[in-house]
Amino acid sequence: MGLSPVDAKNLVGKKIDGKYEVARIIGAGGMGAVYEAHHVGTGRRVAIKVISTGDLSKDEQLVGRFQREARAAGAVDTQHICQVLDTGTDSTTNWPFMVMEFMSGEDVQQLLRRVGPVHADLALRIAAQACIGLSKAHDAGVVHRDMKPANLYLARTDAGKVIVKLLDFGIAKVKMEHASEMGDAGLTRTGTMLGSPLYMSPEQARGVKTIDHRADIWSLGVVLYEMLTGRTPYHHIEALGELIIAICSEPPRPVQDFAPWVEPDIAAIVHKALKAHPSERFQTASEMLDAIVAVKRDGTEIEEAMLVSLSETQRNLVAKRLTLPPPPDVTAQTVAHVPAQSIPPPGMTQEGMAQGAGTTGGLAAPTERRPQLPAKSNTGLVVLGAVLSVALFGGVAYKFLGGSSNLPDAQAAHQATTTTPTAETAAPAPTTAAPAVSPSASSLAVTPAADSKARTVKLVVIPEDATVTIDGNTATVKKGVVEISGSLGSVHKVKLQVGKQELEEDVVVSDGGALPPKLQLDVKNGGAVRPTTSAKPVATSPTGHTPGIEKTFE
């Protein structure tokens, strides 16, 4: 059991290990707490992370991970990694603790939650500084393995500059000659999936034992993708098993689909970092840094005034498209190595997937949740995903959050929305969308034989007077609904047209109905309807923000 608020506050005014006097609690969670304190001898202001009393402080694996974080971070000398000053176990409470430099600012997750997607210039500056920190860590034989926005801290300096610092090396893989002496042997032998699933590389998702520094390149690529678009490549997937299958078999959709204002040379950096095979990515963080610097010739320094949201003018720009190679066909071999031991118990939410197994964390940035089609969807992926779900998870239901399995009319379909990549519709500020439609649990039991059986699903189209074609054939629209017939998992090209404006999307025949369940043409703007947001992003620096390492244990 972690610290209760009373326990946590009781440390204020007391000393840890006899030399660090606690000034205030910064944050607390299920594993422990982080405090602001000062060294009684030097007066230096520090942040102290502790593991609480009880079972957790006696958990050898947890304490070992905690100690690895201190050793991994302490082994690297760079301003772009949060400095670890001391570590030990308090003699009075018997709590393991770690002393770190005190920082004022916010992490990238908090930034994205506050302002939504950021300007490409800022995103590249953040990524570049992260590359410097990663390069130093990799040179020291340390692989972070949990790169995510919450672990990139934007530390303010007295000069008004912002420095990116890497946090939380708690699950770092330390590859040194005497790794076993560093407490790493257990991690490398188990091959257990550690990290935050939404930011995991394919090799991490498969639970392989030979993870190297190129896994961090992938994860940083995901962070860069999210900074540019306001979403992760696979944020539309709610079930962890389906997420792992997608990471291993489905290339991320083009970043310009959701942020059409992103220039092609920047998009190229993102997609090179997100190559499925490690040998096709940037081979080092320094190589990725060189690619960023080649695009950003005016330096990588960050000023606090840059930490703002995109303007409407910037959102309305449409850059030249980057030409990407077609995704490979999905086969059984693509995802055959997804291990059953990589799957945690059912019920892990999107928030849980965003937080992962790090020793520190925060809340996942709120995101829209709607069904989304993978790039170049095909029957094989749908059927294969269903079969693997049964094989790996013992029939655990594959679900998106909320929703029902049928959409009898246009009114029911307002539960879900879709987007297409136009400047008017892409990358809205983060918000919580309406529940998405859930395929029924029975859809997991699909077999190739059952797949060949034709079925009819209903798709809601808006406006009702739109001309609709399905696979090139004119369809009959009845009260805003059209019917699509095909085998389970089949993909159909649906086009809506009103005058000169049109919208074309792929629609999948699923056991729970059409996916997506509704297509809406914005007649005024000529595209898919833009999801509503609860509020416009704030375009100013945070105010009233409590300084310090505002991270909590989970």
Foldseek 3Di string as FASTA:
>chain_A
DEDDPVRQQVQAQPDFLPFWHFPAWLDADDFYTKTWTAGNVPRAIKIKTKGADDPNLVPPVQVLLVLLQQVLLCLFDDPQAWHWDDWDAGPPRRITMTITHWFFFAFQQVLLLFFNAADLLQLLLLLLLVLVVLQRSVVQQKAQQADDRRQWTFGADPVQWTHTHGDFSSVIARDDPPSVVSVRVVVLVPLAQFYQLLQFALSSQLSHNPDGNLRVLSSSLQRSLCNQFVDGQPLQFKWSLLSSLCNLAFQRDQSLFQQQLDAQLSSVLSRLSSDNDSVSHQVGSVSSSVSSCVVVVPDSIGGLLSSFYDDLVSLQDGYDDHDDDAGDDGDCVSCVSRDLSRDDDPDQTSQNSNATDTQWGDTGRAAEHEFDDTVPFFLVSLLSSLQVCCVRVVLDARWFPDAALADPADVSLQQHFDFGNHSVAHRARGAYGGGYHIQTSVLSVDDPVQQQDKDKFKAFEPPQPWFKDKQNHTFDGDNRITMDMDGAQHWIWMKTDDPPAIEIDIWGQHNSGIVVRYFYAPVVVRTTDHDDHPDRRDGGRDPPDDTTSSIYGD
